Amino acid sequence: MYFRIVSLETANKYSCFLWGPRQTGKSTLLKFLFPNALTYDLLQSDQYRRLLQNPELLRQELEAHGLTGNNQREPVIIDEVQKVPDLLDEVHWLIENRGLRFILCGSSARKVKRERANLLGGRAIRYELLPLVSKEITDFSLVRALNHGTLPPHYTQKNPRRLLQAYIGEYLREEIAAEAVTRNVPAFGKFLEVAGLSNGGIVNYSNIARECGVSSPTVRSYFQILEDTLIGSFVPAFNKRGRRRIIEAHKFYFFDVGIVSALVRRGPVTPGSELFGRCLEHFVYMELKAHSLYSGLFYPINYWRTASGQEVDFILNDGEVSVEVKATENAQTHHLRGLRAFAEEHRPRQSLLVSLDPHPRKTAAGIRILPVHHFLHELWENRIIAD
C-alpha cells in the first residue's frame, strides 16, 4: 500500500468526482480512506445490469437505508460511474433533496459528456488520480521509474513487460479505441505507436496522419480522445510576446513513461543514453502535473521555444519559474542557453536546470542547478511553486 497524496478531505463535506486512468489505484485508495462506505461497483456484472436497466434503484435503496445529510458518516461510492451515466440524475436528486454525499469514480468522463449526462452542475468537486509520484514511493528509484513507469502494479514488478503489453492491448487499443466510435481499431493502434514515438515533441497532425494513413482531422480527434480519457495531455506553448519569434504548436505527453516504452517497444533505459534524457524529461513533466493538481495550486505548465531553436522544457505559473531538464552529470554553460534566453525576455523568479549532477549549485547568473532528487524534494515541499 502506497501513501497517496490525494486525501479527498472535502468528501466529508461535498460530493466528488475521482477520475483517473485504469490501474492508477482509485478503488484501492477509496477502500483505504472510506472502509465502511456503501459502495456500488459497476464492474460487477449484476450491479451493472440492474442499475443500467433501473437507475432509480439507487435512489430507492438509499432511501431504504434512511440516509440523509444529517446521519451520513461516509460518502456513498459509485465506482466506474461512466458505465451508467443515467445514475447521475439520481445522484443529483439525492444531493439536492436528501443532502447526501457521493464519490463518483471512473476512468473517463468522456462517455458521460458524450451522452450529455448530468455532471451535477458544479455540485461535485473534481479530483484526478495519476500514477505514483516520487513522494509516494518509499526508497524511490529513478532508474526503475523510467524503465517500468509508475503505475502501481508495474513499478514494483521485476519485469513488467507482460503487464505493460496487456495494458496496451486490452485497454488502450480496445477500450480507448471504442471511445472513437470507430471500427478502425488497426488505424488507432498505429496512431498510438506513432504518437508514442513523438511523445514530448511538438505535435504535427499532418505528419502523423500521413504515417497512419488517416486524415488530419481524424488524428486531431484521436489526440482529443487520449486527452479526454486522461491517457495524455497537451502542453501549450508559452506565448507571452518578447523580442524573439516563438513556436506556438502544442506538445503532447502520455500519462506514464512505462506505457510509452511499451508502445514503441523500447529496450532498457540506461543512464547516459539519449533515451534516458527523453524519459527523464517526461518523468519530470508528470511530477509537475501531479504537483499542480494535488497541491490545489492548479498552475499552468507550458514550454517555450523560439523559431531559432532556443527552448525551455517547462514554464510554470505564467512565467514565474522556468525548468530545463538535462540528463548530464556535469551541467555546462551550453546546457543553460535556453534558460538564459528566456530570463532575458521574461524575468522569471526562478530558473532551474534539473540534472544528474551530484550536488546542487548556483551560477553567477542566478540559475540553480538541481540534482533530480533535490528538485523532487523541493517540488513536493512547495519550494518551487509556493502557496
Protein backbone atom coordinates (compact mmCIF):
# COMPACT_ATOMS: atom_id res chain seq x y z
CA MET A 1 0.00 0.00 0.00
CA TYR A 2 1.38 3.37 -1.02
CA PHE A 3 0.77 6.63 0.76
CA ARG A 4 -1.24 8.66 -1.76
CA ILE A 5 -1.11 12.43 -1.62
CA VAL A 6 -4.72 12.82 -2.74
CA SER A 7 -6.63 12.82 0.55
CA LEU A 8 -10.18 13.62 -0.63
CA GLU A 9 -10.72 15.55 2.61
CA THR A 10 -13.52 17.57 1.03
CA ALA A 11 -15.54 14.35 0.66
CA ASN A 12 -16.53 14.91 4.30
CA LYS A 13 -18.49 17.97 3.17
CA TYR A 14 -19.05 17.73 -0.59
CA SER A 15 -19.64 15.21 -3.32
CA CYS A 16 -16.64 14.49 -5.57
CA PHE A 17 -15.70 13.06 -8.92
CA LEU A 18 -12.49 10.99 -8.88
CA TRP A 19 -11.20 10.38 -12.40
CA GLY A 20 -8.05 8.58 -13.47
CA PRO A 21 -6.72 6.03 -15.98
CA ARG A 22 -7.08 2.34 -15.21
CA GLN A 23 -4.71 0.90 -12.58
CA THR A 24 -3.76 4.22 -11.03
CA GLY A 25 -5.23 2.92 -7.76
CA LYS A 26 -8.57 4.72 -7.48
CA SER A 27 -10.52 1.81 -5.97
CA THR A 28 -7.68 0.91 -3.60
CA LEU A 29 -7.47 4.50 -2.40
CA LEU A 30 -11.22 4.71 -1.76
CA LYS A 31 -11.27 1.42 0.18
CA PHE A 32 -8.42 2.71 2.34
CA LEU A 33 -9.92 6.14 3.01
CA PHE A 34 -13.55 5.02 3.39
CA PRO A 35 -13.51 1.37 4.52
CA ASN A 36 -17.13 1.40 5.69
CA ALA A 37 -18.64 3.30 2.78
CA LEU A 38 -21.65 1.92 0.95
CA THR A 39 -20.20 1.10 -2.48
CA TYR A 40 -21.76 0.34 -5.86
CA ASP A 41 -19.11 -1.27 -8.10
CA LEU A 42 -20.30 -1.20 -11.71
CA LEU A 43 -17.55 -3.60 -12.75
CA GLN A 44 -19.69 -6.25 -11.08
CA SER A 45 -21.94 -7.51 -13.84
CA ASP A 46 -25.02 -7.94 -11.64
CA GLN A 47 -24.74 -4.43 -10.23
CA TYR A 48 -24.15 -3.03 -13.70
CA ARG A 49 -27.13 -4.79 -15.31
CA ARG A 50 -29.70 -3.95 -12.69
CA LEU A 51 -28.71 -0.26 -12.41
CA LEU A 52 -28.44 0.09 -16.17
CA GLN A 53 -32.00 -1.20 -16.54
CA ASN A 54 -33.38 0.63 -13.49
CA PRO A 55 -31.26 3.61 -12.35
CA GLU A 56 -33.98 4.55 -9.87
CA LEU A 57 -32.95 1.54 -7.74
CA LEU A 58 -30.07 3.66 -6.43
CA ARG A 59 -32.48 6.24 -5.00
CA GLN A 60 -34.85 3.60 -3.65
CA GLU A 61 -32.09 1.64 -1.89
CA LEU A 62 -30.51 4.70 -0.31
CA GLU A 63 -33.94 5.85 0.82
CA ALA A 64 -34.44 2.40 2.40
CA HIS A 65 -31.16 2.87 4.31
CA GLY A 66 -32.63 6.05 5.77
CA LEU A 67 -29.53 8.03 4.80
CA THR A 68 -29.64 11.82 4.93
CA GLY A 69 -27.03 14.52 5.09
CA ASN A 70 -27.54 14.61 8.87
CA ASN A 71 -26.72 10.96 9.60
CA GLN A 72 -24.35 10.05 6.77
CA ARG A 73 -20.85 9.26 8.07
CA GLU A 74 -19.05 8.23 4.88
CA PRO A 75 -19.85 9.14 1.28
CA VAL A 76 -21.66 6.72 -1.00
CA ILE A 77 -19.17 5.45 -3.60
CA ILE A 78 -20.14 4.62 -7.18
CA ASP A 79 -17.17 3.03 -8.95
CA GLU A 80 -16.93 3.14 -12.78
CA VAL A 81 -19.84 5.59 -12.85
CA GLN A 82 -19.27 6.31 -16.55
CA LYS A 83 -20.72 2.87 -17.36
CA VAL A 84 -24.24 4.02 -16.31
CA PRO A 85 -24.42 7.79 -16.91
CA ASP A 86 -28.17 7.89 -16.08
CA LEU A 87 -27.28 7.27 -12.43
CA LEU A 88 -26.10 10.86 -12.26
CA ASP A 89 -29.68 12.15 -12.42
CA GLU A 90 -30.49 10.06 -9.36
CA VAL A 91 -27.32 11.28 -7.63
CA HIS A 92 -28.29 14.87 -8.40
CA TRP A 93 -31.74 14.36 -6.84
CA LEU A 94 -30.27 12.73 -3.72
CA ILE A 95 -27.77 15.56 -3.26
CA GLU A 96 -30.46 18.22 -3.61
CA ASN A 97 -33.27 16.55 -1.68
CA ARG A 98 -31.50 14.37 0.89
CA GLY A 99 -28.21 16.18 1.30
CA LEU A 100 -26.22 13.02 0.54
CA ARG A 101 -22.56 12.99 -0.38
CA PHE A 102 -21.10 10.81 -3.13
CA ILE A 103 -17.73 9.92 -4.58
CA LEU A 104 -18.22 9.17 -8.26
CA CYS A 105 -15.23 7.28 -9.55
CA GLY A 106 -14.27 6.39 -13.11
CA SER A 107 -11.60 6.10 -15.77
CA SER A 108 -13.07 8.72 -18.09
CA ALA A 109 -15.71 11.42 -18.16
CA ARG A 110 -15.78 11.24 -21.97
CA LYS A 111 -18.68 8.79 -22.19
CA VAL A 112 -20.62 10.83 -19.64
CA LYS A 113 -20.09 14.01 -21.67
CA ARG A 114 -20.79 12.27 -24.99
CA GLU A 115 -24.15 11.05 -23.77
CA ARG A 116 -24.87 14.52 -22.34
CA ALA A 117 -25.35 13.06 -18.91
CA ASN A 118 -25.76 15.14 -15.77
CA LEU A 119 -22.36 16.32 -14.47
CA LEU A 120 -24.10 17.81 -11.42
CA GLY A 121 -23.72 21.45 -12.38
CA GLY A 122 -20.80 22.26 -10.11
CA ARG A 123 -22.18 20.31 -7.13
CA ALA A 124 -19.23 17.89 -7.13
CA ILE A 125 -15.54 18.71 -6.78
CA ARG A 126 -13.28 17.16 -9.40
CA TYR A 127 -10.19 15.15 -8.43
CA GLU A 128 -7.79 13.31 -10.71
CA LEU A 129 -5.54 10.42 -9.68
CA LEU A 130 -2.32 9.98 -11.64
CA PRO A 131 0.26 7.19 -11.47
CA LEU A 132 2.53 7.18 -8.42
CA VAL A 133 4.84 10.14 -7.88
CA SER A 134 8.22 10.11 -6.19
CA LYS A 135 6.92 11.35 -2.83
CA GLU A 136 4.51 8.41 -2.63
CA ILE A 137 7.20 5.73 -3.10
CA THR A 138 9.47 4.59 -0.25
CA ASP A 139 13.07 4.17 -1.47
CA PHE A 140 12.16 5.72 -4.81
CA SER A 141 14.36 4.61 -7.72
CA LEU A 142 14.62 6.92 -10.71
CA VAL A 143 16.02 4.21 -12.98
CA ARG A 144 13.17 1.84 -12.07
CA ALA A 145 10.58 4.58 -12.68
CA LEU A 146 12.00 5.38 -16.12
CA ASN A 147 12.05 1.70 -17.10
CA HIS A 148 8.83 0.44 -15.53
CA GLY A 149 6.68 3.55 -15.32
CA THR A 150 4.87 4.39 -12.09
CA LEU A 151 1.51 2.67 -12.38
CA PRO A 152 1.34 0.80 -9.03
CA PRO A 153 1.19 -2.76 -10.49
CA HIS A 154 4.07 -2.05 -12.88
CA TYR A 155 6.56 -0.15 -10.72
CA THR A 156 7.03 -2.99 -8.23
CA GLN A 157 7.41 -5.81 -10.76
CA LYS A 158 10.85 -7.20 -11.54
CA ASN A 159 9.85 -7.33 -15.20
CA PRO A 160 6.51 -5.64 -16.01
CA ARG A 161 6.73 -6.20 -19.78
CA ARG A 162 3.77 -8.58 -19.97
CA LEU A 163 1.64 -6.32 -17.78
CA LEU A 164 2.50 -3.31 -19.94
CA GLN A 165 1.65 -5.17 -23.14
CA ALA A 166 -1.66 -6.32 -21.65
CA TYR A 167 -2.48 -2.73 -20.68
CA ILE A 168 -1.80 -1.53 -24.19
CA GLY A 169 -3.61 -4.35 -25.94
CA GLU A 170 -6.69 -4.71 -23.77
CA TYR A 171 -7.17 -1.14 -22.61
CA LEU A 172 -5.56 1.37 -24.93
CA ARG A 173 -6.15 -0.37 -28.26
CA GLU A 174 -9.60 -1.75 -27.45
CA GLU A 175 -11.41 0.30 -24.82
CA ILE A 176 -9.92 3.67 -25.74
CA ALA A 177 -10.42 2.96 -29.44
CA ALA A 178 -14.10 2.35 -28.67
CA GLU A 179 -14.30 5.95 -27.45
CA ALA A 180 -13.65 7.00 -31.04
CA VAL A 181 -16.92 5.35 -32.11
CA THR A 182 -14.91 3.76 -34.92
CA ARG A 183 -14.35 0.24 -36.16
CA ASN A 184 -10.90 1.11 -37.46
CA VAL A 185 -9.02 -0.29 -34.47
CA PRO A 186 -5.86 -1.04 -36.53
CA ALA A 187 -5.58 2.64 -37.55
CA PHE A 188 -5.98 3.71 -33.94
CA GLY A 189 -3.36 1.16 -32.89
CA LYS A 190 -0.94 2.58 -35.47
CA PHE A 191 -1.73 6.08 -34.24
CA LEU A 192 -0.85 5.09 -30.67
CA GLU A 193 2.54 3.83 -31.80
CA VAL A 194 3.32 6.95 -33.85
CA ALA A 195 2.09 9.21 -31.04
CA GLY A 196 4.34 7.29 -28.66
CA LEU A 197 7.35 7.90 -30.90
CA SER A 198 6.60 11.63 -30.89
CA ASN A 199 5.89 11.76 -27.14
CA GLY A 200 7.15 15.01 -25.66
CA GLY A 201 7.61 16.55 -29.10
CA ILE A 202 5.71 19.26 -30.91
CA VAL A 203 2.57 17.77 -32.42
CA ASN A 204 2.42 17.82 -36.23
CA TYR A 205 -1.01 16.48 -37.18
CA SER A 206 -0.24 16.24 -40.91
CA ASN A 207 2.91 14.16 -40.45
CA ILE A 208 1.21 11.78 -38.03
CA ALA A 209 -1.82 11.47 -40.32
CA ARG A 210 0.43 10.56 -43.24
CA GLU A 211 2.19 7.84 -41.22
CA CYS A 212 -1.13 6.40 -40.01
CA GLY A 213 -2.96 6.57 -43.35
CA VAL A 214 -5.81 8.69 -41.97
CA SER A 215 -6.82 12.34 -42.25
CA SER A 216 -5.50 15.20 -40.11
CA PRO A 217 -8.96 15.78 -38.57
CA THR A 218 -9.03 12.10 -37.57
CA VAL A 219 -5.63 12.44 -35.89
CA ARG A 220 -6.88 15.54 -34.05
CA SER A 221 -9.89 13.56 -32.84
CA TYR A 222 -7.63 10.70 -31.70
CA PHE A 223 -5.50 13.08 -29.64
CA GLN A 224 -8.66 14.57 -28.15
CA ILE A 225 -9.76 11.07 -27.13
CA LEU A 226 -6.42 10.48 -25.38
CA GLU A 227 -6.80 13.76 -23.51
CA ASP A 228 -10.46 13.16 -22.60
CA THR A 229 -9.69 9.68 -21.28
CA LEU A 230 -6.68 11.03 -19.31
CA ILE A 231 -4.21 8.91 -21.30
CA GLY A 232 -2.22 12.01 -22.14
CA SER A 233 -2.18 15.77 -22.02
CA PHE A 234 -1.17 18.70 -24.17
CA VAL A 235 1.45 21.20 -23.06
CA PRO A 236 0.78 24.51 -24.80
CA ALA A 237 3.47 26.97 -25.82
CA PHE A 238 4.22 29.94 -23.57
CA ASN A 239 3.09 32.73 -25.85
CA LYS A 240 3.67 35.95 -23.97
CA ARG A 241 5.35 38.12 -26.53
CA GLY A 242 9.01 39.05 -26.36
CA ARG A 243 11.58 40.07 -28.92
CA ARG A 244 12.02 36.57 -30.29
CA ARG A 245 9.55 34.84 -32.61
CA ILE A 246 8.18 31.74 -30.90
CA ILE A 247 6.74 28.39 -31.91
CA GLU A 248 3.09 28.12 -30.83
CA ALA A 249 2.16 24.49 -31.57
CA HIS A 250 1.39 22.20 -28.62
CA LYS A 251 3.45 19.32 -27.23
CA PHE A 252 1.86 16.09 -26.05
CA TYR A 253 2.87 13.71 -23.25
CA PHE A 254 1.36 10.33 -22.39
CA PHE A 255 0.39 9.79 -18.75
CA ASP A 256 3.12 7.27 -17.94
CA VAL A 257 6.72 6.70 -19.01
CA GLY A 258 6.39 2.92 -18.97
CA ILE A 259 3.34 2.92 -21.22
CA VAL A 260 5.25 4.90 -23.88
CA SER A 261 8.18 2.47 -23.67
CA ALA A 262 5.83 -0.45 -24.29
CA LEU A 263 4.00 1.34 -27.13
CA VAL A 264 7.21 1.92 -29.09
CA ARG A 265 8.93 -1.29 -27.90
CA ARG A 266 11.90 0.41 -26.28
CA GLY A 267 14.76 -1.51 -24.80
CA PRO A 268 16.23 -0.78 -21.37
CA VAL A 269 16.51 2.90 -20.43
CA THR A 270 20.11 3.23 -19.27
CA PRO A 271 21.84 6.29 -17.79
CA GLY A 272 23.99 8.09 -20.31
CA SER A 273 21.78 7.31 -23.30
CA GLU A 274 19.73 9.79 -25.31
CA LEU A 275 16.65 7.76 -24.43
CA PHE A 276 17.33 8.29 -20.71
CA GLY A 277 17.21 12.05 -21.27
CA ARG A 278 13.86 11.91 -23.08
CA CYS A 279 12.36 9.67 -20.40
CA LEU A 280 13.69 11.92 -17.63
CA GLU A 281 12.01 14.96 -19.20
CA HIS A 282 8.73 13.01 -19.45
CA PHE A 283 9.02 11.92 -15.82
CA VAL A 284 9.66 15.46 -14.60
CA TYR A 285 6.59 16.64 -16.52
CA MET A 286 4.41 14.05 -14.78
CA GLU A 287 5.74 15.13 -11.38
CA LEU A 288 4.98 18.77 -12.20
CA LYS A 289 1.49 17.95 -13.42
CA ALA A 290 0.75 15.89 -10.31
CA HIS A 291 2.02 18.65 -8.04
CA SER A 292 -0.10 21.23 -9.83
CA LEU A 293 -3.21 19.08 -9.29
CA TYR A 294 -2.54 17.60 -5.85
CA SER A 295 -1.37 20.86 -4.27
CA GLY A 296 -4.55 22.59 -5.37
CA LEU A 297 -2.48 25.37 -6.96
CA PHE A 298 -3.50 24.34 -10.50
CA TYR A 299 -0.69 26.35 -12.04
CA PRO A 300 -0.32 26.19 -15.83
CA ILE A 301 2.57 24.27 -17.37
CA ASN A 302 3.89 25.47 -20.73
CA TYR A 303 7.02 25.10 -22.80
CA TRP A 304 8.95 27.82 -24.65
CA ARG A 305 10.68 27.53 -27.99
CA THR A 306 11.83 30.20 -30.40
CA ALA A 307 11.96 29.94 -34.16
CA SER A 308 15.77 29.98 -33.89
CA GLY A 309 15.75 26.87 -31.66
CA GLN A 310 16.16 28.28 -28.14
CA GLU A 311 13.99 26.17 -25.84
CA VAL A 312 12.99 25.65 -22.21
CA ASP A 313 11.21 22.41 -21.36
CA PHE A 314 8.71 23.77 -18.82
CA ILE A 315 7.46 27.23 -17.92
CA LEU A 316 5.43 27.23 -14.71
CA ASN A 317 2.74 29.56 -13.45
CA ASP A 318 2.70 32.05 -16.34
CA GLY A 319 6.46 32.53 -16.39
CA GLU A 320 7.18 32.52 -12.66
CA VAL A 321 9.57 29.54 -12.92
CA SER A 322 11.50 28.10 -15.87
CA VAL A 323 12.70 24.48 -15.75
CA GLU A 324 15.09 22.76 -18.15
CA VAL A 325 15.84 19.02 -17.85
CA LYS A 326 19.20 17.59 -18.89
CA ALA A 327 20.43 14.04 -18.23
CA THR A 328 24.01 15.15 -17.68
CA GLU A 329 26.20 14.56 -14.65
CA ASN A 330 28.15 17.78 -15.23
CA ALA A 331 25.98 20.69 -16.39
CA GLN A 332 27.93 23.14 -18.55
CA THR A 333 27.29 26.63 -19.90
CA HIS A 334 25.76 25.33 -23.15
CA HIS A 335 23.08 23.48 -21.17
CA LEU A 336 21.84 26.83 -19.84
CA ARG A 337 21.32 28.68 -23.14
CA GLY A 338 17.54 28.30 -23.23
CA LEU A 339 17.15 29.34 -19.59
CA ARG A 340 19.32 32.42 -20.13
CA ALA A 341 17.41 33.41 -23.27
CA PHE A 342 14.06 33.05 -21.52
CA ALA A 343 15.30 35.03 -18.49
CA GLU A 344 16.41 37.89 -20.73
CA GLU A 345 12.86 38.33 -22.01
CA HIS A 346 10.58 37.30 -19.16
CA ARG A 347 12.49 37.64 -15.86
CA PRO A 348 11.26 34.50 -14.04
CA ARG A 349 11.50 34.34 -10.24
CA GLN A 350 13.48 31.09 -10.54
CA SER A 351 15.47 29.48 -13.34
CA LEU A 352 16.23 25.81 -12.73
CA LEU A 353 18.27 23.17 -14.50
CA VAL A 354 17.31 19.66 -13.34
CA SER A 355 20.20 17.30 -13.99
CA LEU A 356 22.12 14.28 -12.73
CA ASP A 357 24.79 16.45 -11.12
CA PRO A 358 25.84 15.08 -7.72
CA HIS A 359 25.39 18.36 -5.83
CA PRO A 360 23.21 21.47 -6.17
CA ARG A 361 24.86 24.72 -7.18
CA LYS A 362 24.05 28.20 -8.44
CA THR A 363 25.61 30.01 -11.38
CA ALA A 364 26.73 33.64 -11.40
CA ALA A 365 23.63 34.41 -13.49
CA GLY A 366 21.39 33.05 -10.73
CA ILE A 367 20.43 29.76 -12.42
CA ARG A 368 20.08 26.94 -9.90
CA ILE A 369 21.38 23.52 -10.96
CA LEU A 370 19.50 20.85 -9.01
CA PRO A 371 20.11 17.10 -8.97
CA VAL A 372 16.87 15.28 -9.76
CA HIS A 373 16.25 14.10 -6.20
CA HIS A 374 16.86 17.60 -4.80
CA PHE A 375 14.40 19.02 -7.33
CA LEU A 376 11.76 16.44 -6.43
CA HIS A 377 12.18 17.15 -2.72
CA GLU A 378 11.84 20.90 -3.23
CA LEU A 379 8.86 20.45 -5.53
CA TRP A 380 6.86 18.42 -3.02
CA GLU A 381 7.91 20.74 -0.19
CA ASN A 382 6.33 23.57 -2.23
CA ARG A 383 9.64 25.40 -2.66
CA ILE A 384 9.45 25.51 -6.45
CA ILE A 385 5.87 26.84 -6.64
CA ALA A 386 4.64 28.14 -3.30
CA ASP A 387 1.10 28.61 -1.99
